[in-house]
Protein backbone atom coordinates (compact mmCIF):
# COMPACT_ATOMS: atom_id res chain seq x y z
CA MET A 1 4.56 5.90 -43.30
CA PRO A 2 1.51 8.23 -43.71
CA ARG A 3 -0.59 5.42 -43.32
CA SER A 4 1.03 3.27 -41.43
CA ALA A 5 1.35 5.79 -38.47
CA PRO A 6 -2.55 4.86 -37.02
CA LEU A 7 -1.66 1.30 -37.61
CA LEU A 8 1.49 1.49 -35.37
CA SER A 9 -0.44 3.25 -32.61
CA LEU A 10 -3.13 0.57 -32.64
CA ALA A 11 -0.59 -1.93 -32.53
CA ALA A 12 0.86 -0.19 -29.43
CA ALA A 13 -2.49 -0.21 -27.49
CA ILE A 14 -2.60 -3.89 -28.11
CA LEU A 15 0.42 -5.08 -26.78
CA ALA A 16 -0.27 -2.23 -23.64
CA SER A 17 -3.76 -4.01 -22.93
CA GLY A 18 -3.88 -6.98 -20.12
CA CYS A 19 -4.40 -7.52 -17.10
CA ALA A 20 -6.93 -9.91 -16.65
CA ALA A 21 -4.16 -12.73 -15.35
CA HIS A 22 -4.42 -11.03 -11.63
CA ALA A 23 -7.60 -13.47 -11.12
CA SER A 24 -5.39 -16.86 -11.65
CA ARG A 25 -2.50 -15.78 -9.28
CA LEU A 26 -5.18 -14.89 -7.12
CA HIS A 27 -6.44 -18.57 -7.42
CA ALA A 28 -3.06 -19.97 -6.29
CA VAL A 29 -2.65 -17.42 -3.28
CA ARG A 30 -6.48 -17.81 -2.14
CA THR A 31 -5.82 -21.67 -1.87
CA ALA A 32 -3.12 -21.58 -0.54
CA PHE A 33 -4.27 -19.44 2.26
CA HIS A 34 -7.38 -21.04 2.89
CA ALA A 35 -5.50 -24.14 3.21
CA GLY A 36 -3.20 -22.81 6.16
CA ASN A 37 -0.10 -22.90 4.10
CA LEU A 38 1.36 -19.02 4.82
CA ALA A 39 4.60 -19.86 4.07
CA GLU A 40 3.32 -20.49 0.62
CA ALA A 41 0.66 -17.62 0.64
CA ASP A 42 3.44 -15.27 1.19
CA GLY A 43 5.69 -16.46 -1.29
CA LEU A 44 3.91 -16.15 -3.92
CA LEU A 45 2.51 -12.62 -3.06
CA GLY A 46 6.04 -11.26 -2.56
CA ARG A 47 7.38 -12.51 -5.96
CA HIS A 48 3.77 -11.20 -7.88
CA ILE A 49 4.11 -7.62 -6.15
CA ASP A 50 7.96 -7.97 -7.62
CA ASP A 51 6.75 -8.95 -10.99
CA HIS A 52 3.32 -6.84 -11.37
CA PRO A 53 3.56 -3.33 -10.01
CA GLY A 54 0.30 -2.27 -11.03
CA GLU A 55 -1.02 -4.92 -8.64
CA GLY A 56 0.51 -4.40 -5.83
CA ASP A 57 -1.80 -2.36 -3.32
CA VAL A 58 -3.73 -5.40 -3.40
CA LEU A 59 -1.05 -7.35 -3.22
CA ARG A 60 0.03 -5.85 -0.34
CA LEU A 61 -3.40 -6.02 1.05
CA ASP A 62 -3.65 -10.03 1.34
CA ARG A 63 -0.25 -9.97 2.43
CA ALA A 64 -1.80 -7.68 5.50
CA MET A 65 -3.63 -11.03 6.07
CA VAL A 66 -1.14 -13.17 5.49
CA ALA A 67 1.09 -11.52 8.35
CA LEU A 68 -2.17 -10.99 10.51
CA ALA A 69 -2.42 -14.88 10.50
CA ASP A 70 1.19 -15.46 11.08
CA ASP A 71 1.12 -13.64 14.36
CA ARG A 72 2.95 -10.19 12.91
CA PRO A 73 0.36 -7.69 13.50
CA ALA A 74 2.79 -4.76 13.41
CA ASP A 75 3.84 -5.76 9.83
CA ALA A 76 0.23 -5.76 8.90
CA GLU A 77 -0.87 -2.89 10.34
CA ARG A 78 2.56 -0.93 8.14
CA LEU A 79 1.43 -2.47 5.11
CA LEU A 80 -2.56 -1.56 5.31
CA ARG A 81 -1.28 2.00 6.24
CA THR A 82 0.59 2.37 2.86
CA VAL A 83 -2.49 1.16 1.24
CA ARG A 84 -4.87 3.28 3.32
CA ASP A 85 -2.69 6.38 2.32
CA ASN A 86 -2.01 5.24 -1.66
CA PHE A 87 -5.75 4.58 -2.16
CA ASP A 88 -6.29 8.14 -1.14
CA ARG A 89 -3.81 9.84 -3.19
CA LEU A 90 -5.18 7.55 -6.27
CA GLU A 91 -8.50 9.76 -5.53
CA GLU A 92 -7.59 12.37 -7.74
CA GLU A 93 -8.38 12.12 -11.25
CA SER A 94 -5.35 11.80 -14.11
CA PRO A 95 -6.72 13.04 -17.29
CA ALA A 96 -3.86 11.28 -18.80
CA GLU A 97 -4.51 7.88 -16.98
CA ASN A 98 -8.36 7.88 -18.13
CA ALA A 99 -7.21 8.46 -21.32
CA TRP A 100 -4.79 5.59 -21.56
CA MET A 101 -7.57 3.62 -19.80
CA MET A 102 -9.96 4.54 -22.68
CA ALA A 103 -7.64 3.21 -25.49
CA THR A 104 -7.07 0.07 -23.62
CA ASP A 105 -8.58 -0.99 -20.22
CA ASP A 106 -9.51 -0.60 -17.25
CA GLY A 107 -6.54 -2.61 -15.81
CA GLN A 108 -4.16 -0.01 -17.23
CA LYS A 109 -4.94 2.69 -14.59
CA ALA A 110 -3.76 2.54 -11.14
CA TYR A 111 -6.27 0.86 -9.18
CA PRO A 112 -7.77 2.95 -6.56
CA GLY A 113 -9.68 0.37 -4.81
CA GLU A 114 -13.05 -0.55 -4.37
CA ASP A 115 -15.65 1.65 -2.09
CA TYR A 116 -15.51 -1.30 0.43
CA GLU A 117 -12.54 -1.93 0.23
CA LYS A 118 -11.34 1.75 0.73
CA VAL A 119 -13.62 1.03 4.19
CA LEU A 120 -12.51 -2.15 4.79
CA VAL A 121 -8.94 -1.45 5.09
CA ARG A 122 -9.53 0.91 8.01
CA ALA A 123 -11.81 -1.69 9.67
CA MET A 124 -8.51 -4.47 9.02
CA LEU A 125 -6.28 -1.16 10.78
CA ALA A 126 -8.19 -1.20 13.88
CA LEU A 127 -8.16 -4.72 14.49
CA ALA A 128 -4.31 -5.11 13.55
CA ASN A 129 -3.95 -2.00 16.04
CA LEU A 130 -6.56 -3.59 18.74
CA VAL A 131 -4.40 -6.94 19.10
CA GLN A 132 -1.17 -4.76 20.24
CA ASP A 133 -1.39 -1.92 22.22
CA GLY A 134 -4.63 -0.15 20.72
CA ASP A 135 -3.60 2.97 21.07
CA ASP A 136 -5.06 3.92 17.88
CA ALA A 137 -7.79 1.41 17.45
CA GLU A 138 -10.68 4.44 18.55
CA ALA A 139 -9.20 6.49 15.95
CA TYR A 140 -9.32 3.75 12.99
CA SER A 141 -12.85 2.67 14.23
CA LEU A 142 -13.91 6.45 13.36
CA GLN A 143 -12.49 6.69 10.25
CA VAL A 144 -14.33 3.54 9.16
CA SER A 145 -17.56 5.78 9.02
CA ASP A 146 -16.13 8.76 8.42
CA LYS A 147 -14.68 7.18 5.23
CA GLN A 148 -17.68 5.40 4.13
CA ARG A 149 -19.95 9.26 4.78
CA ARG A 150 -17.28 10.92 2.65
CA ILE A 151 -17.87 8.00 -0.09
CA VAL A 152 -21.64 8.62 -0.52
CA ALA A 153 -21.48 12.02 0.46
CA THR A 154 -19.57 12.84 -3.09
CA ALA A 155 -21.70 10.44 -4.85
CA THR A 156 -24.27 12.07 -6.27
CA ASP A 157 -24.53 13.04 -9.88
CA GLU A 158 -25.62 15.98 -11.68
CA GLN A 159 -29.30 14.62 -11.93
CA GLY A 160 -29.50 14.20 -7.91
CA ARG A 161 -29.19 10.48 -7.97
CA ASN A 162 -26.93 8.45 -6.35
CA PRO A 163 -25.97 4.98 -7.02
CA LYS A 164 -23.88 5.16 -3.43
CA ALA A 165 -26.56 5.80 -0.76
CA ALA A 166 -27.94 2.46 0.36
CA TYR A 167 -23.88 1.30 0.80
CA GLN A 168 -24.24 -0.91 3.68
CA GLN A 169 -22.84 0.35 6.76
CA VAL A 170 -19.65 -1.12 8.58
CA ALA A 171 -21.27 -2.62 12.17
CA LEU A 172 -17.99 -2.91 12.90
CA ALA A 173 -16.78 0.39 13.79
CA PRO A 174 -19.26 1.74 16.42
CA TYR A 175 -18.88 -1.97 17.65
CA LEU A 176 -15.85 -0.94 18.42
CA ARG A 177 -16.21 2.47 19.86
CA GLY A 178 -18.58 0.77 22.50
CA ILE A 179 -16.30 -1.71 23.54
CA LEU A 180 -13.04 1.11 24.17
CA ARG A 181 -15.71 3.36 25.59
CA GLU A 182 -17.35 1.01 28.24
CA GLU A 183 -13.66 0.03 28.83
CA THR A 184 -13.33 3.60 30.66
CA HIS A 185 -16.00 3.03 33.24
CA ARG A 186 -17.18 6.38 32.56
CA HIS A 187 -18.31 6.85 29.17
CA TYR A 188 -21.13 4.53 28.99
CA ASP A 189 -23.45 6.98 27.57
CA ASP A 190 -21.12 7.03 24.40
CA ALA A 191 -20.98 3.18 24.39
CA ALA A 192 -24.60 2.99 24.79
CA ARG A 193 -24.94 5.39 21.34
CA SER A 194 -22.30 3.16 19.73
CA PHE A 195 -24.49 -0.22 20.26
CA SER A 196 -27.42 1.55 19.41
CA GLN A 197 -25.76 2.71 15.65
CA VAL A 198 -24.62 -1.31 15.82
CA LEU A 199 -28.78 -2.43 15.57
CA GLU A 200 -29.42 0.23 13.49
CA TRP A 201 -26.74 -1.33 11.10
CA GLN A 202 -26.98 -4.87 11.59
CA PRO A 203 -30.66 -5.37 12.92
CA GLU A 204 -29.78 -9.08 12.73
CA PHE A 205 -26.72 -9.07 15.33
CA ARG A 206 -28.51 -10.73 18.31
CA PRO A 207 -26.57 -9.77 21.36
CA GLY A 208 -26.82 -6.52 20.22
CA PRO A 209 -29.89 -5.57 22.78
CA TRP A 210 -28.28 -7.07 25.22
CA HIS A 211 -25.22 -4.70 24.92
CA VAL A 212 -27.09 -1.93 24.79
CA ALA A 213 -28.92 -2.31 27.84
CA ARG A 214 -25.42 -2.62 29.65
CA ALA A 215 -23.64 0.24 28.75
CA THR A 216 -27.16 1.79 29.57
CA HIS A 217 -26.70 0.45 33.06
CA GLY A 218 -22.77 1.80 33.33
CA HIS A 219 -22.07 -1.94 33.45
CA HIS A 220 -18.33 -3.39 32.19
CA SER A 221 -18.05 -6.44 34.08
CA GLU A 222 -18.60 -7.59 37.91
CA LYS A 223 -15.99 -6.28 40.28
CA GLY A 224 -12.78 -9.18 39.95
CA ASN A 225 -13.86 -9.90 36.59
CA GLY A 226 -12.57 -8.48 32.93
CA VAL A 227 -13.94 -8.80 29.23
CA VAL A 228 -12.67 -11.18 26.73
CA HIS A 229 -13.66 -10.01 23.10
CA VAL A 230 -12.98 -12.18 20.62
CA PHE A 231 -12.64 -11.28 16.86
CA ALA A 232 -13.67 -13.76 13.97
CA LEU A 233 -12.67 -13.39 9.93
CA VAL A 234 -14.90 -16.37 8.97
CA GLY A 235 -14.51 -18.15 5.53
CA HIS A 236 -13.76 -17.43 2.39
CA GLY A 237 -14.65 -13.61 1.21
CA PRO A 238 -15.30 -11.88 -2.21
CA PHE A 239 -13.43 -12.07 -5.01
CA LYS A 240 -13.96 -10.30 -9.07
CA ALA A 241 -14.10 -12.84 -11.75
CA GLU A 242 -14.06 -11.79 -15.42
CA VAL A 243 -17.88 -11.81 -17.07
CA VAL A 244 -18.99 -11.08 -20.23
CA GLU A 245 -21.65 -8.83 -20.17
CA MET A 246 -23.94 -9.98 -23.72
CA PRO A 247 -26.68 -7.17 -23.36
CA SER A 248 -24.12 -4.69 -24.20
CA THR A 249 -22.07 -6.80 -26.91
CA ALA A 250 -25.44 -6.84 -28.87
CA SER A 251 -25.93 -3.13 -28.54
CA VAL A 252 -22.24 -1.96 -29.55
CA LEU A 253 -23.33 -4.73 -32.26
CA VAL A 254 -26.25 -3.09 -33.40
CA ALA A 255 -24.39 0.41 -33.42
CA GLY A 256 -21.50 -0.32 -35.55
CA GLU A 257 -24.42 -2.25 -37.96
CA ILE A 258 -25.84 1.23 -38.34
CA VAL A 259 -22.42 3.25 -39.21
CA SER A 260 -21.25 0.93 -41.85
CA ALA A 261 -24.85 1.14 -43.53
CA GLY A 262 -24.91 4.75 -43.17
CA PHE A 263 -21.37 6.07 -43.74
CA GLY A 264 -20.36 3.43 -46.60
CA GLN A 265 -17.19 2.38 -44.44
CA THR A 266 -16.85 -0.50 -42.38
CA LEU A 267 -16.34 -1.15 -38.67
CA PRO A 268 -14.31 -4.15 -37.52
CA PRO A 269 -16.93 -6.46 -36.59
CA THR A 270 -18.05 -7.33 -32.88
CA VAL A 271 -16.30 -10.48 -32.31
CA ALA A 272 -14.66 -9.70 -29.37
CA PRO A 273 -17.39 -9.45 -26.50
CA ILE A 274 -17.45 -6.81 -23.87
CA LYS A 275 -16.04 -7.88 -20.48
CA VAL A 276 -16.52 -6.74 -16.65
CA PRO A 277 -15.85 -7.84 -13.66
CA ARG A 278 -18.58 -9.00 -11.06
CA VAL A 279 -18.22 -9.61 -7.32
CA ILE A 280 -18.52 -13.01 -6.48
CA ALA A 281 -19.01 -14.82 -3.04
CA LEU A 282 -17.75 -18.02 -2.64
CA PRO A 283 -17.92 -18.20 1.31
CA GLY A 284 -17.41 -21.74 2.52
CA SER A 285 -18.77 -23.99 4.41
CA VAL A 286 -17.09 -22.79 7.45
CA GLY A 287 -19.82 -20.82 9.70
CA GLY A 288 -17.96 -19.13 12.98
CA LEU A 289 -15.92 -19.83 15.75
CA GLN A 290 -17.06 -21.73 19.15
CA VAL A 291 -15.13 -21.03 22.27
CA GLY A 292 -14.88 -23.06 25.03
CA VAL A 293 -13.08 -21.90 28.82
CA GLY A 294 -11.94 -25.26 30.14
CA ASP A 295 -15.39 -27.59 29.83
CA TRP A 296 -17.54 -24.65 29.37
CA ALA A 297 -18.96 -24.25 25.95
CA ALA A 298 -19.19 -20.51 26.22
CA GLY A 299 -20.48 -19.50 23.07
CA ARG A 300 -19.95 -19.03 19.28
CA THR A 301 -18.83 -15.98 17.69
CA GLU A 302 -21.98 -13.94 15.87
CA THR A 303 -21.35 -11.77 12.48
CA ILE A 304 -20.84 -8.07 12.88
CA THR A 305 -20.04 -7.13 9.31
CA ASN A 306 -20.75 -9.55 6.24
CA VAL A 307 -18.03 -8.89 4.13
CA SER A 308 -19.23 -10.38 1.11
CA GLN A 309 -22.49 -8.98 1.65
CA MET A 310 -21.60 -6.09 1.08
CA ALA A 311 -18.66 -6.31 -1.32
CA VAL A 312 -21.34 -7.63 -3.77
CA ARG A 313 -24.41 -5.18 -3.23
CA GLN A 314 -21.48 -2.15 -3.50
CA HIS A 315 -20.72 -3.88 -6.89
CA GLU A 316 -23.93 -4.02 -8.21
CA ALA A 317 -24.41 -0.60 -7.06
CA ILE A 318 -22.52 0.87 -9.56
CA LEU A 319 -21.95 -2.17 -11.99
CA PRO A 320 -24.26 0.28 -14.71
CA GLN A 321 -21.71 2.76 -14.30
CA THR A 322 -18.70 -0.08 -15.09
CA VAL A 323 -20.57 -1.70 -17.64
CA GLY A 324 -21.72 2.03 -19.16
CA ARG A 325 -17.87 2.85 -19.13
CA ALA A 326 -16.80 -0.39 -21.31
CA VAL A 327 -19.64 -0.22 -23.50
CA ALA A 328 -18.19 4.05 -24.37
CA ARG A 329 -14.44 2.22 -24.95
CA ARG A 330 -15.46 0.00 -27.38
CA SER A 331 -17.65 2.77 -29.35
CA LEU A 332 -14.52 4.63 -29.04
CA LYS A 333 -12.32 2.39 -30.36
CA LYS A 334 -14.64 1.78 -33.15
CA ALA A 335 -14.92 5.25 -33.93
CA MET A 336 -10.73 5.77 -34.03
CA ILE A 337 -10.97 2.73 -36.67
CA PHE A 338 -13.66 4.89 -38.41
CA GLY A 339 -11.88 7.97 -38.43
CA ALA A 340 -8.58 6.87 -39.02
CA LYS A 341 -10.39 4.83 -42.50
CA GLN A 342 -12.01 8.10 -43.49
CA GLY A 343 -8.96 10.33 -43.40
CA LEU A 344 -7.06 8.09 -45.13
CA GLY A 345 -9.65 7.89 -47.93
CA LEU A 346 -9.70 3.99 -48.04
CA GLN A 347 -12.04 2.07 -50.26
CA LYS A 348 -14.44 0.02 -47.95
CA THR A 349 -13.88 -3.63 -49.69
CA GLY A 350 -10.21 -3.02 -50.12
CA LEU A 351 -7.08 -5.01 -48.42
CA PRO A 352 -6.43 -1.46 -46.55
CA ALA A 353 -9.43 -1.23 -44.94
CA LEU A 354 -9.50 -5.04 -44.32
CA ALA A 355 -6.28 -4.58 -42.71
CA PHE A 356 -7.69 -1.76 -39.83
CA ASP A 357 -10.74 -4.03 -39.12
CA VAL A 358 -8.78 -7.18 -38.51
CA ALA A 359 -6.28 -4.78 -35.85
CA GLY A 360 -9.38 -2.87 -34.83
CA VAL A 361 -10.65 -6.86 -33.74
CA ALA A 362 -7.73 -7.54 -32.60
CA TRP A 363 -7.79 -4.47 -30.22
CA GLU A 364 -11.10 -4.54 -28.58
CA ALA A 365 -10.06 -8.48 -28.09
CA SER A 366 -7.00 -7.10 -26.24
CA GLU A 367 -9.63 -6.08 -23.60
CA ASN A 368 -9.64 -6.99 -20.46
CA ALA A 369 -11.88 -7.09 -16.88
CA ASP A 370 -10.28 -5.51 -14.16
CA THR A 371 -10.17 -8.34 -11.59
CA ARG A 372 -7.98 -6.83 -9.19
CA CYS A 373 -9.38 -6.96 -5.94
CA TRP A 374 -8.72 -7.75 -1.73
CA GLY A 375 -8.62 -11.06 -2.10
CA LEU A 376 -8.03 -12.73 1.43
CA LEU A 377 -11.34 -10.80 3.01
CA PRO A 378 -12.94 -12.77 5.03
CA ASP A 379 -16.81 -13.68 3.96
CA THR A 380 -17.60 -12.41 7.69
CA ILE A 381 -16.58 -10.36 10.43
CA GLN A 382 -17.78 -11.93 13.65
CA VAL A 383 -17.34 -11.31 17.54
CA LEU A 384 -18.17 -13.21 20.92
CA ARG A 385 -17.89 -11.21 24.92
CA LEU A 386 -17.16 -13.18 27.18
CA GLU A 387 -16.66 -12.14 31.27
CA LEU A 388 -14.43 -13.75 33.11
CA PRO A 389 -12.65 -14.06 36.17
CA ALA A 390 -9.54 -12.23 36.50
CA GLY A 391 -6.44 -14.81 35.94
CA GLU A 392 -5.42 -17.04 33.13
CA HIS A 393 -7.65 -18.56 31.22
CA THR A 394 -7.22 -20.82 28.25
CA LEU A 395 -9.78 -20.52 25.30
CA ALA A 396 -10.11 -23.64 22.81
CA LEU A 397 -11.14 -21.86 19.37
CA GLN A 398 -13.01 -24.71 17.17
CA PRO A 399 -14.32 -23.68 14.11
CA ILE A 400 -17.71 -24.82 12.92
CA ASP A 401 -19.79 -25.12 10.08
CA ARG A 402 -23.29 -22.97 9.30
CA GLY A 403 -24.92 -26.54 11.05
CA GLY A 404 -22.62 -26.07 14.28
CA ARG A 405 -20.29 -29.07 13.36
CA PRO A 406 -16.66 -29.03 13.96
CA LEU A 407 -14.35 -28.47 11.03
CA GLY A 408 -10.51 -28.85 12.04
CA ASP A 409 -8.89 -29.19 14.99
CA ALA A 410 -9.82 -26.25 18.34
CA VAL A 411 -6.98 -24.21 18.92
CA PRO A 412 -5.92 -22.91 21.87
CA ARG A 413 -4.84 -19.65 23.24
CA THR A 414 -4.20 -18.77 26.78
CA VAL A 415 -5.29 -15.08 28.03
CA THR A 416 -4.83 -13.14 30.80
CA VAL A 417 -7.93 -11.29 31.70
CA LEU A 418 -7.35 -8.03 33.98
CA ASP A 419 -9.66 -6.80 36.51
CA GLY A 420 -11.91 -4.75 34.70
CA ARG A 421 -10.26 -4.45 31.74
CA ASN A 422 -10.75 -5.76 28.40
CA THR A 423 -9.18 -8.43 26.80
CA TYR A 424 -8.66 -8.95 22.32
CA VAL A 425 -8.40 -12.36 20.61
CA LEU A 426 -8.10 -12.29 16.72
CA ALA A 427 -8.62 -15.80 14.49
CA GLN A 428 -8.81 -16.10 10.92
CA ALA A 429 -11.41 -19.31 10.12
CA THR A 430 -11.34 -21.30 7.14
CA ASP A 431 -12.90 -24.62 5.75
CA ALA A 432 -9.38 -25.95 6.75
CA GLY A 433 -9.67 -24.53 10.11
CA ILE A 434 -8.08 -22.02 12.32
CA VAL A 435 -5.48 -19.88 10.09
CA GLY A 436 -2.16 -19.50 11.16
CA THR A 437 -2.35 -18.05 15.52
CA PRO A 438 -4.93 -16.78 17.00
CA LEU A 439 -3.66 -13.02 17.88
CA THR A 440 -4.09 -11.45 21.73
CA ASN A 441 -2.82 -8.25 23.43
CA SER A 442 -2.72 -9.88 26.66
CA PRO A 443 0.46 -10.09 28.19
């Protein structure tokens, strides 16, 4: 029994490892959602939440996007709030979880959210609230920038390095504050500062200078007119896939050979590659929404936040830490095998030593990259501002490709514009066209 105890511990760790299947489950959900099959996507997510509680938070995020498309913004806001609060609680380090993660893989730890997910959950909360009563939309928009500041501020290491210092900011947040401030018809100075920040964070946003000029001159709309803000969640957003980190695999192989030669004891051969997650951007063909009012081609939406770009850049900034953790885990496992064999006094070439090596190979092969992620984010968040006479108008929302050609059918959405007030429309668009029902706060 003393000799078998280490092997039993190894077997337990091997059986506990493995959570890369999230990527395959997510593929089915994304396929259904991007094709507009909301019932199928929601059903898959419900079953996965029941069957895979360790993936619950990211699945709830995806379910919130389905709820938005299904004209259930209150349900979406509730789900988003739950995950936001869970992510905040999980920022506290758990030594026990960290130790178990080093013996298995990153998927064994409660998922705390990627930095871009922690920020964007607040952005989606703002949009979900905006198409209801809008009472909390400004507070949520302030949370977006505050959360990003805190993420960056706490990332400086002992050497003064901060890999998160260059994180892309979410220009949607000051844009929302700007349009909410100018609707008061009093706080135009606040609105102008917010729009200036939009330009600083998203200089490619072409309507930006016009927004700054309008707010600077204290103008919301002409008398008898109101403003419609069309928000579009466009394209197929980023997701995680498992990839092999070859340089690190080679480094561990060399290290194992050195230890084996220098200490007269074998280590499990490096057969299993080191796997890490990568954020993948495959945005699809859809490029935005063309919005018509009657026979008037009123304009097309413009990107205010590039979600895929943000996710990929943030992932690349912290990739060395992810790879370093994977290498450290592999090294720790080899060290544990080595220590167990030394402690038991096993001969280098005997069958018991070989059994340990085989178990070690299986232990290492059980590692999986943590591919949990918010899989139904859009590629970009886009906006269009329209000033229209007070009264009822029917908007035609037409998804277009990157060359301006139509994709799918135009979807009508009737809104009631109020004199001097804002009206909001939120639509999701993929290559198949408008997904679900465009939302509005219009009476």
